[in-house]
PDB file of all heavy atoms in Angstrom:
ATOM      1  N   THR A   1     110.439 105.435  75.266  1.00  0.00           N
ATOM      2  CA  THR A   1     111.744 105.857  74.754  1.00  0.00           C
ATOM      3  C   THR A   1     111.696 106.246  73.290  1.00  0.00           C
ATOM      4  O   THR A   1     112.319 107.224  72.870  1.00  0.00           O
ATOM      5  CB  THR A   1     112.759 104.716  74.939  1.00  0.00           C
ATOM      6  OG1 THR A   1     112.758 104.318  76.319  1.00  0.00           O
ATOM      7  CG2 THR A   1     114.164 105.157  74.559  1.00  0.00           C
ATOM      8  N   ASP A   2     110.952 105.478  72.481  1.00  0.00           N
ATOM      9  CA  ASP A   2     110.964 105.704  71.036  1.00  0.00           C
ATOM     10  C   ASP A   2     109.626 106.197  70.499  1.00  0.00           C
ATOM     11  O   ASP A   2     109.390 106.208  69.312  1.00  0.00           O
ATOM     12  CB  ASP A   2     111.339 104.389  70.323  1.00  0.00           C
ATOM     13  CG  ASP A   2     111.757 104.614  68.880  1.00  0.00           C
ATOM     14  OD1 ASP A   2     112.488 105.582  68.608  1.00  0.00           O
ATOM     15  OD2 ASP A   2     111.337 103.825  68.013  1.00  0.00           O
ATOM     16  N   ALA A   3     108.730 106.606  71.407  1.00  0.00           N
ATOM     17  CA  ALA A   3     107.399 107.019  70.961  1.00  0.00           C
ATOM     18  C   ALA A   3     107.440 108.370  70.262  1.00  0.00           C
ATOM     19  O   ALA A   3     108.189 109.273  70.648  1.00  0.00           O
ATOM     20  CB  ALA A   3     106.454 107.082  72.154  1.00  0.00           C
ATOM     21  N   THR A   4     106.627 108.508  69.223  1.00  0.00           N
ATOM     22  CA  THR A   4     106.494 109.780  68.522  1.00  0.00           C
ATOM     23  C   THR A   4     105.628 110.717  69.350  1.00  0.00           C
ATOM     24  O   THR A   4     104.574 110.308  69.840  1.00  0.00           O
ATOM     25  CB  THR A   4     105.839 109.548  67.151  1.00  0.00           C
ATOM     26  OG1 THR A   4     106.648 108.644  66.403  1.00  0.00           O
ATOM     27  CG2 THR A   4     105.693 110.855  66.384  1.00  0.00           C
ATOM     28  N   PRO A   5     106.047 111.973  69.555  1.00  0.00           N
ATOM     29  CA  PRO A   5     105.235 112.903  70.354  1.00  0.00           C
ATOM     30  C   PRO A   5     103.799 112.994  69.855  1.00  0.00           C
ATOM     31  O   PRO A   5     103.540 112.963  68.652  1.00  0.00           O
ATOM     32  CB  PRO A   5     105.972 114.234  70.184  1.00  0.00           C
ATOM     33  CG  PRO A   5     107.391 113.842  69.943  1.00  0.00           C
ATOM     34  CD  PRO A   5     107.324 112.569  69.127  1.00  0.00           C
ATOM     35  N   VAL A   6     102.871 113.073  70.808  1.00  0.00           N
ATOM     36  CA  VAL A   6     101.445 113.188  70.502  1.00  0.00           C
ATOM     37  C   VAL A   6     100.994 114.550  70.996  1.00  0.00           C
ATOM     38  O   VAL A   6     100.723 114.751  72.172  1.00  0.00           O
ATOM     39  CB  VAL A   6     100.637 112.071  71.194  1.00  0.00           C
ATOM     40  CG1 VAL A   6      99.166 112.153  70.793  1.00  0.00           C
ATOM     41  CG2 VAL A   6     101.204 110.698  70.857  1.00  0.00           C
ATOM     42  N   GLY A   7     100.956 115.532  70.094  1.00  0.00           N
ATOM     43  CA  GLY A   7     100.575 116.882  70.495  1.00  0.00           C
ATOM     44  C   GLY A   7     101.718 117.586  71.220  1.00  0.00           C
ATOM     45  O   GLY A   7     102.841 117.094  71.348  1.00  0.00           O
ATOM     46  N   CYS A   8     101.418 118.766  71.740  1.00  0.00           N
ATOM     47  CA  CYS A   8     102.447 119.614  72.350  1.00  0.00           C
ATOM     48  C   CYS A   8     102.612 119.358  73.842  1.00  0.00           C
ATOM     49  O   CYS A   8     103.423 120.018  74.495  1.00  0.00           O
ATOM     50  CB  CYS A   8     102.122 121.086  72.113  1.00  0.00           C
ATOM     51  SG  CYS A   8     100.532 121.584  72.814  1.00  0.00           S
ATOM     52  N   LYS A   9     101.837 118.408  74.395  1.00  0.00           N
ATOM     53  CA  LYS A   9     101.876 118.166  75.838  1.00  0.00           C
ATOM     54  C   LYS A   9     102.684 116.925  76.182  1.00  0.00           C
ATOM     55  O   LYS A   9     102.565 116.374  77.260  1.00  0.00           O
ATOM     56  CB  LYS A   9     100.448 118.013  76.367  1.00  0.00           C
ATOM     57  CG  LYS A   9      99.588 119.257  76.154  1.00  0.00           C
ATOM     58  CD  LYS A   9      98.147 119.025  76.556  1.00  0.00           C
ATOM     59  CE  LYS A   9      97.389 118.256  75.511  1.00  0.00           C
ATOM     60  NZ  LYS A   9      95.940 118.196  75.773  1.00  0.00           N
ATOM     61  N   SER A  10     103.548 116.495  75.262  1.00  0.00           N
ATOM     62  CA  SER A  10     104.267 115.239  75.448  1.00  0.00           C
ATOM     63  C   SER A  10     105.513 115.421  76.300  1.00  0.00           C
ATOM     64  O   SER A  10     106.256 116.391  76.143  1.00  0.00           O
ATOM     65  CB  SER A  10     104.661 114.655  74.087  1.00  0.00           C
ATOM     66  OG  SER A  10     103.512 114.370  73.311  1.00  0.00           O
ATOM     67  N   VAL A  11     105.735 114.463  77.200  1.00  0.00           N
ATOM     68  CA  VAL A  11     106.913 114.434  78.070  1.00  0.00           C
ATOM     69  C   VAL A  11     107.488 113.027  77.992  1.00  0.00           C
ATOM     70  O   VAL A  11     106.763 112.050  78.199  1.00  0.00           O
ATOM     71  CB  VAL A  11     106.549 114.768  79.536  1.00  0.00           C
ATOM     72  CG1 VAL A  11     107.797 114.729  80.414  1.00  0.00           C
ATOM     73  CG2 VAL A  11     105.854 116.109  79.635  1.00  0.00           C
ATOM     74  N   ARG A  12     108.771 112.902  77.707  1.00  0.00           N
ATOM     75  CA  ARG A  12     109.380 111.577  77.571  1.00  0.00           C
ATOM     76  C   ARG A  12     109.773 111.050  78.948  1.00  0.00           C
ATOM     77  O   ARG A  12     110.681 111.575  79.585  1.00  0.00           O
ATOM     78  CB  ARG A  12     110.586 111.632  76.633  1.00  0.00           C
ATOM     79  CG  ARG A  12     110.913 110.284  76.000  1.00  0.00           C
ATOM     80  CD  ARG A  12     111.901 110.435  74.862  1.00  0.00           C
ATOM     81  NE  ARG A  12     111.375 111.187  73.740  1.00  0.00           N
ATOM     82  CZ  ARG A  12     110.569 110.703  72.809  1.00  0.00           C
ATOM     83  NH1 ARG A  12     110.184 109.438  72.879  1.00  0.00           N
ATOM     84  NH2 ARG A  12     110.137 111.450  71.825  1.00  0.00           N
ATOM     85  N   THR A  13     109.105 110.005  79.389  1.00  0.00           N
ATOM     86  CA  THR A  13     109.359 109.430  80.713  1.00  0.00           C
ATOM     87  C   THR A  13     109.950 108.031  80.647  1.00  0.00           C
ATOM     88  O   THR A  13     110.578 107.574  81.606  1.00  0.00           O
ATOM     89  CB  THR A  13     108.048 109.330  81.513  1.00  0.00           C
ATOM     90  OG1 THR A  13     107.133 108.487  80.811  1.00  0.00           O
ATOM     91  CG2 THR A  13     107.431 110.705  81.730  1.00  0.00           C
ATOM     92  N   GLY A  14     109.735 107.311  79.547  1.00  0.00           N
ATOM     93  CA  GLY A  14     110.029 105.889  79.518  1.00  0.00           C
ATOM     94  C   GLY A  14     108.823 105.095  80.011  1.00  0.00           C
ATOM     95  O   GLY A  14     107.810 105.661  80.417  1.00  0.00           O
ATOM     96  N   ILE A  15     108.939 103.788  79.962  1.00  0.00           N
ATOM     97  CA  ILE A  15     107.831 102.891  80.315  1.00  0.00           C
ATOM     98  C   ILE A  15     108.169 102.192  81.628  1.00  0.00           C
ATOM     99  O   ILE A  15     109.171 101.486  81.721  1.00  0.00           O
ATOM    100  CB  ILE A  15     107.609 101.840  79.216  1.00  0.00           C
ATOM    101  CG1 ILE A  15     107.445 102.521  77.860  1.00  0.00           C
ATOM    102  CG2 ILE A  15     106.389 100.985  79.532  1.00  0.00           C
ATOM    103  CD1 ILE A  15     107.609 101.593  76.692  1.00  0.00           C
ATOM    104  N   PRO A  16     107.360 102.369  82.644  1.00  0.00           N
ATOM    105  CA  PRO A  16     107.679 101.750  83.937  1.00  0.00           C
ATOM    106  C   PRO A  16     107.408 100.249  83.917  1.00  0.00           C
ATOM    107  O   PRO A  16     106.501  99.774  83.231  1.00  0.00           O
ATOM    108  CB  PRO A  16     106.729 102.465  84.905  1.00  0.00           C
ATOM    109  CG  PRO A  16     105.545 102.813  84.056  1.00  0.00           C
ATOM    110  CD  PRO A  16     106.097 103.132  82.694  1.00  0.00           C
ATOM    111  N   VAL A  17     108.198  99.499  84.670  1.00  0.00           N
ATOM    112  CA  VAL A  17     107.961  98.067  84.853  1.00  0.00           C
ATOM    113  C   VAL A  17     107.837  97.782  86.344  1.00  0.00           C
ATOM    114  O   VAL A  17     108.341  98.534  87.183  1.00  0.00           O
ATOM    115  CB  VAL A  17     109.084  97.205  84.238  1.00  0.00           C
ATOM    116  CG1 VAL A  17     109.213  97.472  82.750  1.00  0.00           C
ATOM    117  CG2 VAL A  17     110.413  97.440  84.939  1.00  0.00           C
ATOM    118  N   ARG A  18     107.163  96.700  86.663  1.00  0.00           N
ATOM    119  CA  ARG A  18     106.985  96.334  88.064  1.00  0.00           C
ATOM    120  C   ARG A  18     108.326  95.991  88.697  1.00  0.00           C
ATOM    121  O   ARG A  18     109.213  95.431  88.055  1.00  0.00           O
ATOM    122  CB  ARG A  18     106.025  95.146  88.169  1.00  0.00           C
ATOM    123  CG  ARG A  18     104.602  95.474  87.754  1.00  0.00           C
ATOM    124  CD  ARG A  18     103.816  94.217  87.484  1.00  0.00           C
ATOM    125  NE  ARG A  18     104.289  93.531  86.290  1.00  0.00           N
ATOM    126  CZ  ARG A  18     104.020  92.265  86.000  1.00  0.00           C
ATOM    127  NH1 ARG A  18     103.291  91.545  86.834  1.00  0.00           N
ATOM    128  NH2 ARG A  18     104.480  91.733  84.880  1.00  0.00           N
ATOM    129  N   ARG A  19     108.462  96.310  89.966  1.00  0.00           N
ATOM    130  CA  ARG A  19     109.737  96.108  90.646  1.00  0.00           C
ATOM    131  C   ARG A  19     110.130  94.635  90.691  1.00  0.00           C
ATOM    132  O   ARG A  19     111.310  94.296  90.674  1.00  0.00           O
ATOM    133  CB  ARG A  19     109.674  96.700  92.064  1.00  0.00           C
ATOM    134  CG  ARG A  19     111.034  96.996  92.640  1.00  0.00           C
ATOM    135  CD  ARG A  19     110.964  97.800  93.910  1.00  0.00           C
ATOM    136  NE  ARG A  19     110.546  99.176  93.724  1.00  0.00           N
ATOM    137  CZ  ARG A  19     111.307 100.143  93.219  1.00  0.00           C
ATOM    138  NH1 ARG A  19     112.524  99.869  92.781  1.00  0.00           N
ATOM    139  NH2 ARG A  19     110.842 101.371  93.121  1.00  0.00           N
ATOM    140  N   SER A  20     109.135  93.741  90.733  1.00  0.00           N
ATOM    141  CA  SER A  20     109.456  92.311  90.802  1.00  0.00           C
ATOM    142  C   SER A  20     110.218  91.832  89.576  1.00  0.00           C
ATOM    143  O   SER A  20     111.003  90.877  89.647  1.00  0.00           O
ATOM    144  CB  SER A  20     108.162  91.497  90.944  1.00  0.00           C
ATOM    145  OG  SER A  20     107.342  91.645  89.786  1.00  0.00           O
ATOM    146  N   ILE A  21     110.006  92.508  88.421  1.00  0.00           N
ATOM    147  CA  ILE A  21     110.676  92.101  87.188  1.00  0.00           C
ATOM    148  C   ILE A  21     112.185  92.209  87.320  1.00  0.00           C
ATOM    149  O   ILE A  21     112.942  91.420  86.746  1.00  0.00           O
ATOM    150  CB  ILE A  21     110.192  92.980  86.006  1.00  0.00           C
ATOM    151  CG1 ILE A  21     108.698  92.785  85.758  1.00  0.00           C
ATOM    152  CG2 ILE A  21     110.980  92.685  84.731  1.00  0.00           C
ATOM    153  CD1 ILE A  21     108.320  91.438  85.231  1.00  0.00           C
ATOM    154  N   THR A  22     112.658  93.188  88.072  1.00  0.00           N
ATOM    155  CA  THR A  22     114.090  93.488  88.119  1.00  0.00           C
ATOM    156  C   THR A  22     114.786  92.911  89.351  1.00  0.00           C
ATOM    157  O   THR A  22     115.963  93.183  89.549  1.00  0.00           O
ATOM    158  CB  THR A  22     114.307  95.015  88.099  1.00  0.00           C
ATOM    159  OG1 THR A  22     113.634  95.611  89.220  1.00  0.00           O
ATOM    160  CG2 THR A  22     113.755  95.618  86.815  1.00  0.00           C
ATOM    161  N   ARG A  23     114.081  92.133  90.172  1.00  0.00           N
ATOM    162  CA  ARG A  23     114.768  91.590  91.342  1.00  0.00           C
ATOM    163  C   ARG A  23     115.816  90.575  90.898  1.00  0.00           C
ATOM    164  O   ARG A  23     115.577  89.779  89.982  1.00  0.00           O
ATOM    165  CB  ARG A  23     113.779  90.965  92.319  1.00  0.00           C
ATOM    166  CG  ARG A  23     113.108  89.689  91.872  1.00  0.00           C
ATOM    167  CD  ARG A  23     112.164  89.151  92.956  1.00  0.00           C
ATOM    168  NE  ARG A  23     111.604  87.859  92.608  1.00  0.00           N
ATOM    169  CZ  ARG A  23     110.453  87.671  92.007  1.00  0.00           C
ATOM    170  NH1 ARG A  23     109.725  88.742  91.662  1.00  0.00           N
ATOM    171  NH2 ARG A  23     110.009  86.468  91.726  1.00  0.00           N
ATOM    172  N   PRO A  24     116.999  90.569  91.530  1.00  0.00           N
ATOM    173  CA  PRO A  24     118.080  89.658  91.106  1.00  0.00           C
ATOM    174  C   PRO A  24     117.699  88.198  91.349  1.00  0.00           C
ATOM    175  O   PRO A  24     117.248  87.839  92.428  1.00  0.00           O
ATOM    176  CB  PRO A  24     119.260  90.072  91.997  1.00  0.00           C
ATOM    177  CG  PRO A  24     118.917  91.429  92.520  1.00  0.00           C
ATOM    178  CD  PRO A  24     117.421  91.478  92.617  1.00  0.00           C
ATOM    179  N   LEU A  25     117.883  87.357  90.336  1.00  0.00           N
ATOM    180  CA  LEU A  25     117.603  85.930  90.438  1.00  0.00           C
ATOM    181  C   LEU A  25     118.697  85.157  89.716  1.00  0.00           C
ATOM    182  O   LEU A  25     119.099  85.534  88.606  1.00  0.00           O
ATOM    183  CB  LEU A  25     116.245  85.597  89.806  1.00  0.00           C
ATOM    184  CG  LEU A  25     114.986  86.133  90.484  1.00  0.00           C
ATOM    185  CD1 LEU A  25     113.780  85.959  89.571  1.00  0.00           C
ATOM    186  CD2 LEU A  25     114.758  85.421  91.804  1.00  0.00           C
ATOM    187  N   GLU A  26     119.186  84.096  90.314  1.00  0.00           N
ATOM    188  CA  GLU A  26     120.159  83.235  89.659  1.00  0.00           C
ATOM    189  C   GLU A  26     119.461  82.399  88.579  1.00  0.00           C
ATOM    190  O   GLU A  26     118.369  81.873  88.816  1.00  0.00           O
ATOM    191  CB  GLU A  26     120.809  82.308  90.681  1.00  0.00           C
ATOM    192  CG  GLU A  26     121.761  83.009  91.634  1.00  0.00           C
ATOM    193  CD  GLU A  26     122.965  83.587  90.903  1.00  0.00           C
ATOM    194  OE1 GLU A  26     123.414  82.959  89.906  1.00  0.00           O
ATOM    195  OE2 GLU A  26     123.430  84.665  91.303  1.00  0.00           O
ATOM    196  N   PRO A  27     120.065  82.269  87.388  1.00  0.00           N
ATOM    197  CA  PRO A  27     119.415  81.501  86.314  1.00  0.00           C
ATOM    198  C   PRO A  27     119.061  80.074  86.728  1.00  0.00           C
ATOM    199  O   PRO A  27     117.963  79.590  86.428  1.00  0.00           O
ATOM    200  CB  PRO A  27     120.452  81.514  85.194  1.00  0.00           C
ATOM    201  CG  PRO A  27     121.253  82.753  85.440  1.00  0.00           C
ATOM    202  CD  PRO A  27     121.303  82.910  86.929  1.00  0.00           C
ATOM    203  N   GLN A  28     119.986  79.391  87.414  1.00  0.00           N
ATOM    204  CA  GLN A  28     119.705  77.997  87.793  1.00  0.00           C
ATOM    205  C   GLN A  28     118.520  77.915  88.754  1.00  0.00           C
ATOM    206  O   GLN A  28     117.664  77.032  88.623  1.00  0.00           O
ATOM    207  CB  GLN A  28     120.951  77.364  88.428  1.00  0.00           C
ATOM    208  CG  GLN A  28     122.081  77.089  87.450  1.00  0.00           C
ATOM    209  CD  GLN A  28     122.914  78.323  87.139  1.00  0.00           C
ATOM    210  OE1 GLN A  28     122.703  79.391  87.739  1.00  0.00           O
ATOM    211  NE2 GLN A  28     123.846  78.200  86.206  1.00  0.00           N
ATOM    212  N   ALA A  29     118.448  78.843  89.704  1.00  0.00           N
ATOM    213  CA  ALA A  29     117.330  78.837  90.651  1.00  0.00           C
ATOM    214  C   ALA A  29     116.019  79.136  89.937  1.00  0.00           C
ATOM    215  O   ALA A  29     114.976  78.525  90.240  1.00  0.00           O
ATOM    216  CB  ALA A  29     117.584  79.853  91.759  1.00  0.00           C
ATOM    217  N   ALA A  30     116.045  80.071  88.983  1.00  0.00           N
ATOM    218  CA  ALA A  30     114.830  80.402  88.229  1.00  0.00           C
ATOM    219  C   ALA A  30     114.368  79.208  87.407  1.00  0.00           C
ATOM    220  O   ALA A  30     113.169  78.916  87.325  1.00  0.00           O
ATOM    221  CB  ALA A  30     115.092  81.611  87.329  1.00  0.00           C
ATOM    222  N   ARG A  31     115.306  78.479  86.794  1.00  0.00           N
ATOM    223  CA  ARG A  31     114.927  77.309  85.992  1.00  0.00           C
ATOM    224  C   ARG A  31     114.317  76.223  86.873  1.00  0.00           C
ATOM    225  O   ARG A  31     113.324  75.596  86.491  1.00  0.00           O
ATOM    226  CB  ARG A  31     116.149  76.788  85.236  1.00  0.00           C
ATOM    227  CG  ARG A  31     116.614  77.734  84.138  1.00  0.00           C
ATOM    228  CD  ARG A  31     117.969  77.351  83.588  1.00  0.00           C
ATOM    229  NE  ARG A  31     118.531  78.441  82.791  1.00  0.00           N
ATOM    230  CZ  ARG A  31     119.815  78.579  82.517  1.00  0.00           C
ATOM    231  NH1 ARG A  31     120.705  77.706  82.980  1.00  0.00           N
ATOM    232  NH2 ARG A  31     120.226  79.600  81.791  1.00  0.00           N
ATOM    233  N   ARG A  32     114.897  76.000  88.024  1.00  0.00           N
ATOM    234  CA  ARG A  32     114.314  75.003  88.928  1.00  0.00           C
ATOM    235  C   ARG A  32     112.882  75.396  89.311  1.00  0.00           C
ATOM    236  O   ARG A  32     111.984  74.548  89.346  1.00  0.00           O
ATOM    237  CB  ARG A  32     115.170  74.880  90.193  1.00  0.00           C
ATOM    238  CG  ARG A  32     116.489  74.149  90.014  1.00  0.00           C
ATOM    239  CD  ARG A  32     117.132  73.843  91.354  1.00  0.00           C
ATOM    240  NE  ARG A  32     118.508  73.384  91.173  1.00  0.00           N
ATOM    241  CZ  ARG A  32     119.581  74.179  91.264  1.00  0.00           C
ATOM    242  NH1 ARG A  32     119.424  75.474  91.556  1.00  0.00           N
ATOM    243  NH2 ARG A  32     120.776  73.694  91.076  1.00  0.00           N
ATOM    244  N   ALA A  33     112.688  76.674  89.598  1.00  0.00           N
ATOM    245  CA  ALA A  33     111.350  77.137  89.997  1.00  0.00           C
ATOM    246  C   ALA A  33     110.331  76.945  88.883  1.00  0.00           C
ATOM    247  O   ALA A  33     109.134  76.776  89.149  1.00  0.00           O
ATOM    248  CB  ALA A  33     111.411  78.613  90.406  1.00  0.00           C
TER     249      ALA A  33
END
């Protein structure tokens, strides 16, 4: 998102994260785990 272009071949895509990171989890259940 905030990277400075590197040469003329730059395309802004963002940084991908693994799908498991974004799965919905209740805070209390996560703390117990």
